[in-house]
Amino acid sequence: MIDIPRLVVAAPASGTGKTTVTTGLMAAFAQRGLRVSPHKVGPDYIDPGYHALATGRPGRNLDAYMCGPELVGPLFAHGARGCELAVVEGVMGLYDGASGQGELASTAQVAKLLRAPVVLVVDASSQSRSVAALVHGFASFDPQVRIGGVILNKVGSDRHEALLRDALEEAGMPVLGALRRAEGVATPSRHLGLVPVAERHGDAADAVAGMAAAVRRGCDLDALLALARTAGPLHEEPWDPAEALALAAGSPSVAGSSVPGAPSVAGSPSVAGSSVAGSPSVRAGGAGRPRPVIAVAGGPAFSFLYAEHPELLTAAGAEVVVLDPLRDERLPEGTAGLVIGGGFPEVYVGELAANEPLRAAVAGLAASGAPVAAECAGLLYLARSLDGRPMCGVVPGDARMSGRLTLGYRDAVAVSDSALAVTGTRMRGHEFHRTVLEPGAGSSPAWGFRGAERRVEGFVRGGVHASYLHTHWAGAAGVAERFVVASAEAAGAAGAAGRGVG
């Protein structure tokens, strides 16, 4: 059981100022000396970067689609351990979630799972008394969702604020804050949302400070903290990466699909307990075995990575070392595996292309058979080219920016054995990109998508698993175990080759 004050910050729709208010609240409470735990509903990578800057703690995602509703509470408790307040930013509108699946992955579902009061951020710029009808509708739609108050955003004047407050008082809804239009904090955006903190750290720090100042001026922090303290105890055991790996090792498979290119695999072993080239699923680095070095791409071009991924890799026995492909010309010493997550390589395509030594090193690592896991931006970096500039040439495809946004959750099944999964392993993920790779799949695809998206996607070549699909490994901890075991084998093979043992 954990008993931490907590709030969920939600909105009727996207674009209301939810991120500004949430980040400002986190920073304002942290400036009061509270240890604040930051969380974000859904798959978004960018907002948690601002949350981390505001609180000094990793921003963590709570995604009921990718990880399952049963892990929302444990992952929350893991992130909130040792804190005095938790603030959770919602996604889209309060009741919006996975398309066609009811409340799944919505902010409302997470609020109910956490038994947390909701603060509704309302864009009041074009309404007065109607705000009461809007808020009443949201408060009454699901009686299990407790909206504890409203923060009014983009208020035009004292008179406008008075009208809004009168209407909400009549409706019995507390107003916990009001932010003026002029107090909007400039946070630049581009084709996939806000510009990540990793790309503008100094300016981002100034923006967060501005958000905190606006919230301090316009919000009743004491009332918000009092509301957070009404949440009560939460009966959840904190998620633990080592325990997750142990549980995954004994989990049965849920494999089986009919996507194009995917065989019927019901009853296949799950990724959690599978072996890699005959090796048992055991911790690398244990019982005298060396800890394989796994490089994880970071820096401005590759800033999308869930905090639990390196935690799982470490718990599985790896030594995790961060690599910045914009600056580093060689892989970390002894690299036996490489993880390249998401980000914006298209913004830095010139610098990435110019770093020929690292591109050659990555290609060489892949050619050696060592495991390489690449998601979205990582896939583009492994391609032959991106917008006409040379990349690593590991994947036989060419990528370019496009005007089309590919966005949505995916129900996927592995259609090729790889360093991440055996054929038939089911995983849920998320796509979010404005690039196109041609061809989009190799002769051994990475994933087959089920449902309306019925198609195969990605590449499995040797130890390489490259795909547009973002996944959250906390929902399938055996992925990390399998990857670390494959890396340990690659390290052993490289050592044997170096010693002249064949």
Protein backbone atom coordinates (compact mmCIF):
# COMPACT_ATOMS: atom_id res chain seq x y z
CA MET A 1 0.00 0.00 0.00
CA ILE A 2 1.19 3.51 -0.81
CA ASP A 3 -0.35 6.70 0.49
CA ILE A 4 0.86 9.60 -1.63
CA PRO A 5 -1.17 12.73 -2.42
CA ARG A 6 -1.91 12.78 -6.13
CA LEU A 7 -3.70 14.72 -8.84
CA VAL A 8 -4.60 13.96 -12.44
CA VAL A 9 -4.62 17.04 -14.68
CA ALA A 10 -7.05 16.58 -17.57
CA ALA A 11 -8.91 18.66 -20.14
CA PRO A 12 -12.00 18.49 -22.34
CA ALA A 13 -9.77 18.30 -25.45
CA SER A 14 -6.24 18.67 -26.71
CA GLY A 15 -4.84 22.17 -27.09
CA THR A 16 -6.28 23.64 -23.89
CA GLY A 17 -2.95 24.27 -22.15
CA LYS A 18 -2.83 21.02 -20.18
CA THR A 19 0.94 20.59 -20.52
CA THR A 20 1.65 24.19 -19.51
CA VAL A 21 -0.54 23.92 -16.41
CA THR A 22 0.75 20.47 -15.42
CA THR A 23 4.41 21.35 -15.85
CA GLY A 24 3.86 24.65 -14.03
CA LEU A 25 2.19 22.84 -11.13
CA MET A 26 5.03 20.32 -10.90
CA ALA A 27 7.66 23.06 -10.89
CA ALA A 28 5.75 25.29 -8.45
CA PHE A 29 5.33 22.47 -5.94
CA ALA A 30 8.97 21.42 -6.38
CA GLN A 31 10.02 25.00 -5.68
CA ARG A 32 8.10 24.73 -2.41
CA GLY A 33 10.46 21.93 -1.45
CA LEU A 34 8.15 19.01 -2.17
CA ARG A 35 9.46 15.85 -3.80
CA VAL A 36 7.17 15.67 -6.84
CA SER A 37 6.70 12.53 -8.93
CA PRO A 38 5.85 13.35 -12.58
CA HIS A 39 3.70 11.10 -14.77
CA LYS A 40 2.10 11.24 -18.21
CA VAL A 41 -0.88 9.24 -19.47
CA GLY A 42 -0.29 7.61 -22.85
CA PRO A 43 2.72 7.00 -25.09
CA ASP A 44 4.05 10.58 -25.40
CA TYR A 45 7.82 11.03 -24.92
CA ILE A 46 8.10 14.82 -25.12
CA ASP A 47 5.94 16.03 -22.24
CA PRO A 48 7.77 13.79 -19.71
CA GLY A 49 11.00 15.60 -20.64
CA TYR A 50 9.49 18.88 -19.47
CA HIS A 51 8.12 17.14 -16.37
CA ALA A 52 11.59 15.85 -15.54
CA LEU A 53 13.04 19.33 -15.93
CA ALA A 54 10.36 20.68 -13.58
CA THR A 55 10.85 18.08 -10.85
CA GLY A 56 14.38 16.69 -11.16
CA ARG A 57 12.96 13.16 -11.45
CA PRO A 58 12.38 10.93 -14.50
CA GLY A 59 9.09 11.59 -16.24
CA ARG A 60 7.24 8.28 -16.43
CA ASN A 61 4.43 7.14 -18.70
CA LEU A 62 1.27 5.35 -17.61
CA ASP A 63 -0.08 3.60 -20.70
CA ALA A 64 -2.90 1.15 -20.12
CA TYR A 65 -2.86 0.02 -23.76
CA MET A 66 0.82 -0.83 -24.15
CA CYS A 67 1.43 -2.08 -20.60
CA GLY A 68 -2.06 -3.20 -19.59
CA PRO A 69 -4.36 -1.62 -16.98
CA GLU A 70 -2.97 -3.97 -14.35
CA LEU A 71 0.45 -2.28 -14.52
CA VAL A 72 -0.74 1.34 -14.24
CA GLY A 73 -0.83 1.25 -10.44
CA PRO A 74 2.48 -0.61 -9.96
CA LEU A 75 4.33 1.63 -12.45
CA PHE A 76 2.88 4.71 -10.74
CA ALA A 77 3.99 3.40 -7.33
CA HIS A 78 7.47 2.67 -8.71
CA GLY A 79 7.90 6.22 -9.96
CA ALA A 80 6.33 7.83 -6.90
CA ARG A 81 8.39 5.94 -4.35
CA GLY A 82 9.85 8.38 -1.81
CA CYS A 83 7.84 11.36 -3.08
CA GLU A 84 5.41 13.67 -1.28
CA LEU A 85 3.15 14.49 -4.23
CA ALA A 86 2.41 12.95 -7.62
CA VAL A 87 1.04 14.90 -10.57
CA VAL A 88 -0.24 13.03 -13.62
CA GLU A 89 -0.78 14.80 -16.94
CA GLY A 90 -3.61 13.36 -19.00
CA VAL A 91 -3.75 12.72 -22.73
CA MET A 92 -6.10 14.33 -25.26
CA GLY A 93 -9.58 14.86 -23.78
CA LEU A 94 -10.45 13.31 -20.42
CA TYR A 95 -12.47 10.44 -21.89
CA ASP A 96 -10.45 9.90 -25.11
CA GLY A 97 -8.49 6.66 -25.36
CA ALA A 98 -7.62 3.86 -27.75
CA SER A 99 -9.82 4.16 -30.83
CA GLY A 100 -12.94 2.04 -30.65
CA GLN A 101 -12.03 0.47 -27.29
CA GLY A 102 -14.11 2.43 -24.83
CA GLU A 103 -12.19 3.95 -21.95
CA LEU A 104 -9.02 1.90 -22.53
CA ALA A 105 -5.89 4.07 -22.26
CA SER A 106 -7.89 7.21 -21.46
CA THR A 107 -7.07 9.71 -18.75
CA ALA A 108 -10.37 8.79 -17.09
CA GLN A 109 -9.35 5.13 -16.86
CA VAL A 110 -5.98 6.01 -15.32
CA ALA A 111 -7.64 8.38 -12.82
CA LYS A 112 -9.95 5.57 -11.73
CA LEU A 113 -7.12 3.04 -11.50
CA LEU A 114 -5.16 5.47 -9.31
CA ARG A 115 -8.25 6.58 -7.35
CA ALA A 116 -7.05 10.12 -7.94
CA PRO A 117 -9.05 13.36 -8.10
CA VAL A 118 -9.07 15.14 -11.45
CA VAL A 119 -8.37 18.82 -12.08
CA LEU A 120 -9.97 19.91 -15.36
CA VAL A 121 -8.10 22.56 -17.38
CA VAL A 122 -10.64 24.49 -19.43
CA ASP A 123 -9.87 26.87 -22.28
CA ALA A 124 -12.27 29.68 -21.36
CA SER A 125 -11.26 32.05 -24.14
CA SER A 126 -14.57 31.95 -26.02
CA GLN A 127 -17.18 31.34 -23.34
CA SER A 128 -18.60 32.60 -20.07
CA ARG A 129 -21.63 30.96 -18.40
CA SER A 130 -21.49 28.02 -20.82
CA VAL A 131 -18.38 26.85 -19.01
CA ALA A 132 -20.65 25.50 -16.26
CA ALA A 133 -22.54 23.30 -18.72
CA LEU A 134 -19.30 22.02 -20.17
CA VAL A 135 -17.83 21.14 -16.79
CA HIS A 136 -21.11 19.66 -15.55
CA GLY A 137 -21.17 17.34 -18.55
CA PHE A 138 -17.66 16.11 -17.93
CA ALA A 139 -18.28 15.70 -14.19
CA SER A 140 -21.48 13.69 -14.67
CA PHE A 141 -20.45 11.55 -17.67
CA ASP A 142 -18.79 8.89 -15.50
CA PRO A 143 -19.68 9.01 -11.78
CA GLN A 144 -16.52 7.02 -10.96
CA VAL A 145 -14.34 9.90 -12.19
CA ARG A 146 -14.08 12.53 -9.47
CA ILE A 147 -13.47 16.02 -10.84
CA GLY A 148 -12.33 17.99 -7.82
CA GLY A 149 -12.01 21.40 -9.43
CA VAL A 150 -11.26 23.48 -12.49
CA ILE A 151 -8.33 25.60 -13.63
CA LEU A 152 -9.46 28.21 -16.14
CA ASN A 153 -6.97 28.96 -18.90
CA LYS A 154 -6.79 31.87 -21.36
CA VAL A 155 -9.01 34.13 -19.26
CA GLY A 156 -9.37 37.56 -20.89
CA SER A 157 -9.97 39.99 -18.01
CA ASP A 158 -11.10 40.42 -14.42
CA ARG A 159 -14.69 40.74 -15.66
CA HIS A 160 -14.37 37.55 -17.73
CA GLU A 161 -12.94 35.70 -14.74
CA ALA A 162 -15.78 36.88 -12.49
CA LEU A 163 -18.40 35.61 -14.95
CA LEU A 164 -16.67 32.23 -15.18
CA ARG A 165 -16.35 31.89 -11.42
CA ASP A 166 -19.99 32.82 -10.86
CA ALA A 167 -21.14 30.20 -13.36
CA LEU A 168 -19.02 27.46 -11.84
CA GLU A 169 -20.02 28.40 -8.31
CA GLU A 170 -23.64 28.03 -9.40
CA ALA A 171 -22.75 24.55 -10.69
CA GLY A 172 -20.99 23.66 -7.44
CA MET A 173 -17.57 23.24 -9.03
CA PRO A 174 -14.54 24.79 -7.25
CA VAL A 175 -12.26 27.05 -9.29
CA LEU A 176 -8.69 26.23 -8.29
CA GLY A 177 -6.97 28.67 -10.61
CA ALA A 178 -7.28 31.12 -13.47
CA LEU A 179 -4.51 31.91 -15.95
CA ARG A 180 -4.70 34.93 -18.23
CA ARG A 181 -4.14 34.85 -21.97
CA ALA A 182 -1.15 37.14 -21.59
CA GLU A 183 0.49 34.60 -19.29
CA GLY A 184 0.87 32.02 -22.03
CA VAL A 185 4.40 30.61 -22.03
CA ALA A 186 6.05 30.21 -25.42
CA THR A 187 6.98 26.58 -26.00
CA PRO A 188 7.91 25.97 -29.65
CA SER A 189 6.29 23.17 -31.59
CA ARG A 190 6.89 21.44 -34.92
CA HIS A 191 5.59 18.49 -36.91
CA LEU A 192 5.21 16.04 -33.99
CA GLY A 193 4.42 18.40 -31.11
CA LEU A 194 6.61 20.35 -28.69
CA VAL A 195 10.34 20.60 -29.35
CA PRO A 196 11.96 18.14 -26.88
CA VAL A 197 13.89 19.39 -23.86
CA ALA A 198 17.04 17.64 -25.11
CA GLU A 199 17.13 20.03 -28.08
CA ARG A 200 16.64 23.29 -26.18
CA HIS A 201 17.66 22.66 -22.60
CA GLY A 202 18.45 26.25 -21.64
CA ASP A 203 15.36 27.71 -23.31
CA ALA A 204 13.26 24.85 -21.95
CA ALA A 205 14.42 25.62 -18.41
CA ASP A 206 13.34 29.23 -18.90
CA ALA A 207 9.98 28.07 -20.25
CA VAL A 208 9.43 25.78 -17.25
CA ALA A 209 10.30 28.64 -14.90
CA GLY A 210 7.75 30.79 -16.73
CA MET A 211 5.10 28.08 -16.39
CA ALA A 212 5.79 27.83 -12.65
CA ALA A 213 5.53 31.59 -12.22
CA ALA A 214 2.19 31.72 -14.09
CA VAL A 215 0.80 28.88 -11.97
CA ARG A 216 1.96 30.49 -8.73
CA ARG A 217 0.23 33.73 -9.69
CA GLY A 218 -2.99 32.19 -10.92
CA CYS A 219 -3.56 28.98 -8.95
CA ASP A 220 -4.40 28.18 -5.33
CA LEU A 221 -1.58 25.77 -4.59
CA ASP A 222 -2.79 25.14 -1.05
CA ALA A 223 -6.23 24.13 -2.30
CA LEU A 224 -4.70 21.91 -4.98
CA LEU A 225 -2.47 20.18 -2.43
CA ALA A 226 -5.47 19.70 -0.14
CA LEU A 227 -7.37 18.10 -3.02
CA ALA A 228 -4.41 15.81 -3.75
CA ARG A 229 -4.45 14.67 -0.13
CA THR A 230 -8.03 13.40 -0.48
CA ALA A 231 -6.83 10.60 -2.78
CA GLY A 232 -6.30 8.17 0.09
CA PRO A 233 -4.23 4.96 0.16
CA LEU A 234 -3.56 3.01 -3.03
CA HIS A 235 -3.22 -0.73 -2.63
CA GLU A 236 -0.48 -1.39 -5.16
CA GLU A 237 2.91 -3.04 -4.94
CA PRO A 238 5.54 -0.91 -6.74
CA TRP A 239 6.74 -2.36 -10.02
CA ASP A 240 10.27 -3.73 -9.79
CA PRO A 241 12.35 -4.54 -12.90
CA ALA A 242 14.00 -7.62 -11.40
CA GLU A 243 10.65 -9.01 -10.26
CA ALA A 244 9.13 -8.20 -13.64
CA LEU A 245 11.86 -10.23 -15.35
CA ALA A 246 11.30 -13.16 -13.01
CA LEU A 247 7.55 -13.09 -13.64
CA ALA A 248 8.04 -12.81 -17.39
CA ALA A 249 10.27 -15.88 -17.43
CA GLY A 250 7.34 -18.04 -16.34
CA SER A 251 4.58 -16.37 -18.34
CA PRO A 252 2.72 -18.41 -20.96
CA SER A 253 2.43 -17.01 -24.45
CA VAL A 254 -0.63 -15.20 -25.75
CA ALA A 255 0.59 -15.65 -29.30
CA GLY A 256 -1.59 -16.43 -32.26
CA SER A 257 -2.67 -14.24 -35.16
CA SER A 258 -3.93 -14.10 -38.68
CA VAL A 259 -2.12 -11.03 -39.94
CA PRO A 260 -0.65 -11.24 -43.44
CA GLY A 261 2.64 -13.08 -43.36
CA ALA A 262 2.21 -14.37 -39.82
CA PRO A 263 1.93 -18.12 -39.28
CA SER A 264 -0.55 -19.67 -36.89
CA VAL A 265 1.47 -19.82 -33.71
CA ALA A 266 -0.94 -20.45 -30.87
CA GLY A 267 0.95 -22.15 -28.09
CA SER A 268 4.34 -20.80 -29.05
CA PRO A 269 6.65 -19.88 -26.17
CA SER A 270 6.50 -16.27 -25.13
CA VAL A 271 9.38 -13.89 -25.53
CA ALA A 272 9.74 -13.88 -21.77
CA GLY A 273 10.86 -17.44 -21.40
CA SER A 274 12.40 -18.02 -24.77
CA SER A 275 15.98 -18.87 -25.50
CA VAL A 276 18.39 -17.16 -27.81
CA ALA A 277 20.36 -19.51 -30.04
CA GLY A 278 19.90 -22.26 -27.46
CA SER A 279 20.85 -20.21 -24.42
CA PRO A 280 18.62 -20.44 -21.34
CA SER A 281 16.74 -17.39 -20.16
CA VAL A 282 19.02 -16.44 -17.29
CA ARG A 283 20.53 -13.19 -16.08
CA ALA A 284 23.59 -12.15 -18.03
CA GLY A 285 26.39 -11.14 -15.74
CA GLY A 286 25.40 -13.62 -13.04
CA ALA A 287 27.43 -16.56 -11.73
CA GLY A 288 30.70 -15.11 -12.98
CA ARG A 289 29.42 -14.22 -16.44
CA PRO A 290 30.51 -10.80 -17.74
CA ARG A 291 27.98 -8.00 -17.96
CA PRO A 292 27.48 -7.19 -21.65
CA VAL A 293 27.81 -3.53 -22.58
CA ILE A 294 24.65 -2.25 -24.25
CA ALA A 295 24.83 1.18 -25.84
CA VAL A 296 21.59 3.19 -25.74
CA ALA A 297 21.30 6.11 -28.16
CA GLY A 298 20.52 9.47 -26.59
CA GLY A 299 21.18 13.16 -27.16
CA PRO A 300 19.04 15.63 -29.11
CA ALA A 301 18.40 13.34 -32.09
CA PHE A 302 17.32 10.27 -30.10
CA SER A 303 15.59 11.50 -26.96
CA PHE A 304 12.59 9.11 -26.97
CA LEU A 305 13.10 6.31 -24.49
CA TYR A 306 10.93 5.13 -21.63
CA ALA A 307 12.71 5.23 -18.26
CA GLU A 308 11.91 1.58 -17.60
CA HIS A 309 13.91 0.31 -20.61
CA PRO A 310 17.41 0.91 -19.20
CA GLU A 311 16.15 -0.20 -15.78
CA LEU A 312 15.10 -3.53 -17.26
CA LEU A 313 18.33 -3.92 -19.22
CA THR A 314 20.34 -3.27 -16.07
CA ALA A 315 18.24 -5.68 -14.02
CA ALA A 316 18.76 -8.34 -16.72
CA GLY A 317 22.51 -8.02 -16.28
CA ALA A 318 23.66 -5.40 -18.78
CA GLU A 319 25.95 -2.45 -18.35
CA VAL A 320 24.02 0.39 -20.03
CA VAL A 321 26.06 3.21 -21.60
CA VAL A 322 24.52 6.25 -23.30
CA LEU A 323 25.69 7.05 -26.84
CA ASP A 324 25.09 10.40 -28.60
CA PRO A 325 25.24 9.81 -32.38
CA LEU A 326 25.64 13.55 -32.97
CA ARG A 327 28.89 13.76 -31.01
CA ASP A 328 30.37 10.31 -30.44
CA GLU A 329 32.48 8.94 -33.27
CA ARG A 330 32.77 5.43 -31.88
CA LEU A 331 30.67 2.98 -29.95
CA PRO A 332 31.39 2.58 -26.22
CA GLU A 333 34.23 0.21 -25.48
CA GLY A 334 33.08 -3.41 -25.63
CA THR A 335 29.63 -2.68 -27.04
CA ALA A 336 27.79 -5.99 -27.49
CA GLY A 337 24.30 -4.63 -28.20
CA LEU A 338 22.74 -1.37 -29.35
CA VAL A 339 19.32 0.17 -28.66
CA ILE A 340 18.24 3.16 -30.76
CA GLY A 341 14.89 4.59 -29.76
CA GLY A 342 12.81 7.38 -31.21
CA GLY A 343 13.52 11.04 -31.79
CA PHE A 344 14.06 13.49 -34.61
CA PRO A 345 16.91 12.32 -36.88
CA GLU A 346 15.29 14.28 -39.74
CA VAL A 347 16.12 17.51 -37.89
CA TYR A 348 19.77 16.49 -37.54
CA VAL A 349 20.20 14.54 -40.75
CA GLY A 350 23.23 16.61 -41.84
CA GLU A 351 25.12 16.05 -38.60
CA LEU A 352 24.25 12.35 -38.50
CA ALA A 353 25.37 11.89 -42.09
CA ALA A 354 28.61 13.75 -41.39
CA ASN A 355 29.51 11.41 -38.52
CA GLU A 356 30.88 8.75 -40.85
CA PRO A 357 33.00 6.95 -38.22
CA LEU A 358 30.00 6.16 -36.06
CA ARG A 359 27.83 5.17 -39.02
CA ALA A 360 30.54 2.72 -40.03
CA ALA A 361 30.84 1.41 -36.48
CA VAL A 362 27.09 0.80 -36.24
CA ALA A 363 27.10 -0.97 -39.59
CA GLY A 364 30.02 -3.09 -38.44
CA LEU A 365 28.30 -4.03 -35.20
CA ALA A 366 25.18 -5.08 -37.10
CA ALA A 367 27.25 -7.08 -39.60
CA SER A 368 28.88 -8.96 -36.73
CA GLY A 369 25.48 -10.34 -35.73
CA ALA A 370 25.30 -8.42 -32.46
CA PRO A 371 21.75 -7.48 -31.45
CA VAL A 372 20.54 -4.05 -32.54
CA ALA A 373 17.03 -2.86 -31.61
CA ALA A 374 15.78 0.22 -33.44
CA GLU A 375 12.43 1.98 -33.14
CA CYS A 376 11.16 4.70 -35.49
CA ALA A 377 14.03 7.21 -35.45
CA GLY A 378 16.38 4.28 -34.95
CA LEU A 379 14.91 2.62 -38.04
CA LEU A 380 15.59 5.78 -40.07
CA TYR A 381 19.17 5.93 -38.79
CA LEU A 382 19.77 2.33 -39.84
CA ALA A 383 18.35 2.95 -43.33
CA ARG A 384 20.45 3.54 -46.45
CA SER A 385 19.44 7.18 -46.59
CA LEU A 386 17.23 9.80 -44.98
CA ASP A 387 16.05 12.71 -47.14
CA GLY A 388 18.84 11.87 -49.58
CA ARG A 389 21.63 11.87 -46.96
CA PRO A 390 23.55 8.66 -46.19
CA MET A 391 22.73 6.81 -42.98
CA CYS A 392 24.13 3.53 -41.64
CA GLY A 393 23.05 1.30 -44.53
CA VAL A 394 22.02 -1.57 -42.26
CA VAL A 395 18.40 -1.66 -43.45
CA PRO A 396 17.78 -1.90 -47.23
CA GLY A 397 15.43 1.06 -47.44
CA ASP A 398 15.40 4.81 -48.05
CA ALA A 399 13.46 7.23 -45.86
CA ARG A 400 12.04 10.68 -46.48
CA MET A 401 9.80 13.22 -44.79
CA SER A 402 6.18 13.22 -45.95
CA GLY A 403 3.07 15.29 -45.35
CA ARG A 404 1.19 12.32 -43.92
CA LEU A 405 0.98 11.67 -40.19
CA THR A 406 0.94 8.00 -39.18
CA LEU A 407 -0.49 7.83 -35.68
CA GLY A 408 -2.14 5.26 -33.47
CA TYR A 409 -1.92 2.25 -31.22
CA ARG A 410 -1.08 -1.08 -32.83
CA ASP A 411 -1.76 -4.67 -31.84
CA ALA A 412 1.31 -6.46 -33.17
CA VAL A 413 2.62 -9.99 -33.48
CA ALA A 414 6.23 -10.93 -34.20
CA VAL A 415 6.44 -12.61 -37.61
CA SER A 416 10.17 -13.41 -37.49
CA ASP A 417 12.44 -14.68 -34.76
CA SER A 418 14.71 -11.89 -33.54
CA ALA A 419 16.84 -10.70 -30.64
CA LEU A 420 13.66 -9.19 -29.17
CA ALA A 421 11.00 -11.82 -29.72
CA VAL A 422 10.20 -15.26 -31.08
CA THR A 423 7.68 -15.63 -33.88
CA GLY A 424 4.16 -15.35 -32.55
CA THR A 425 4.92 -13.09 -29.62
CA ARG A 426 2.15 -10.56 -29.15
CA MET A 427 2.96 -6.99 -28.21
CA ARG A 428 1.13 -3.71 -28.25
CA GLY A 429 2.79 -0.54 -29.45
CA HIS A 430 2.34 2.88 -30.95
CA GLU A 431 3.22 4.56 -34.24
CA PHE A 432 3.83 8.31 -34.53
CA HIS A 433 5.78 9.64 -37.52
CA ARG A 434 5.69 11.82 -40.62
CA THR A 435 8.30 9.89 -42.54
CA VAL A 436 8.01 7.11 -45.10
CA LEU A 437 10.47 4.26 -45.57
CA GLU A 438 10.56 2.42 -48.91
CA PRO A 439 10.26 -0.49 -48.78
CA GLY A 440 8.39 -0.58 -45.47
CA ALA A 441 9.20 -4.21 -44.73
CA GLY A 442 11.94 -6.69 -45.54
CA SER A 443 11.79 -10.33 -46.52
CA SER A 444 11.73 -11.11 -42.79
CA PRO A 445 9.43 -8.44 -41.33
CA ALA A 446 9.54 -7.43 -37.69
CA TRP A 447 5.82 -7.19 -36.95
CA GLY A 448 2.45 -8.03 -38.36
CA PHE A 449 -0.33 -5.67 -37.33
CA ARG A 450 -3.73 -7.07 -36.44
CA GLY A 451 -7.16 -5.51 -36.83
CA ALA A 452 -7.77 -2.65 -39.25
CA GLU A 453 -4.01 -2.13 -39.79
CA ARG A 454 -3.48 -5.63 -41.23
CA ARG A 455 0.00 -5.38 -42.71
CA VAL A 456 3.58 -6.42 -42.04
CA GLU A 457 6.23 -3.88 -41.16
CA GLY A 458 9.91 -3.54 -40.27
CA PHE A 459 13.05 -5.61 -40.74
CA VAL A 460 14.76 -8.54 -39.03
CA ARG A 461 18.25 -9.15 -40.44
CA GLY A 462 20.76 -11.13 -38.41
CA GLY A 463 20.69 -9.56 -34.95
CA VAL A 464 18.89 -6.43 -36.15
CA HIS A 465 15.27 -5.70 -35.26
CA ALA A 466 14.19 -2.39 -36.84
CA SER A 467 10.65 -1.06 -36.97
CA TYR A 468 8.51 2.07 -36.76
CA LEU A 469 6.67 0.57 -33.77
CA HIS A 470 7.34 2.11 -30.35
CA THR A 471 6.96 -0.45 -27.55
CA HIS A 472 7.01 -0.22 -23.78
CA TRP A 473 9.10 -3.04 -22.39
CA ALA A 474 7.48 -2.93 -18.94
CA GLY A 475 4.51 -4.56 -20.66
CA ALA A 476 6.73 -7.41 -21.93
CA ALA A 477 9.78 -7.53 -19.69
CA GLY A 478 11.08 -10.67 -21.37
CA VAL A 479 12.06 -8.53 -24.38
CA ALA A 480 14.83 -6.95 -22.29
CA GLU A 481 15.96 -10.33 -20.96
CA ARG A 482 16.16 -11.83 -24.42
CA PHE A 483 18.08 -8.85 -25.75
CA VAL A 484 20.61 -8.93 -22.90
CA VAL A 485 21.17 -12.68 -23.30
CA ALA A 486 21.76 -12.16 -27.02
CA SER A 487 24.19 -9.35 -26.22
CA ALA A 488 26.05 -11.56 -23.75
CA GLU A 489 26.38 -14.22 -26.44
CA ALA A 490 27.65 -11.62 -28.90
CA ALA A 491 30.20 -10.43 -26.34
CA GLY A 492 31.31 -13.99 -25.75
CA ALA A 493 31.65 -14.66 -29.46
CA ALA A 494 33.65 -11.48 -29.95
CA GLY A 495 35.92 -12.42 -27.06
CA ALA A 496 36.45 -15.89 -28.45
CA ALA A 497 37.26 -14.48 -31.88
CA GLY A 498 39.72 -12.06 -30.29
CA ARG A 499 41.43 -14.94 -28.56
CA GLY A 500 41.56 -16.90 -31.79
CA VAL A 501 38.97 -19.42 -30.64
CA GLY A 502 36.63 -20.48 -33.43
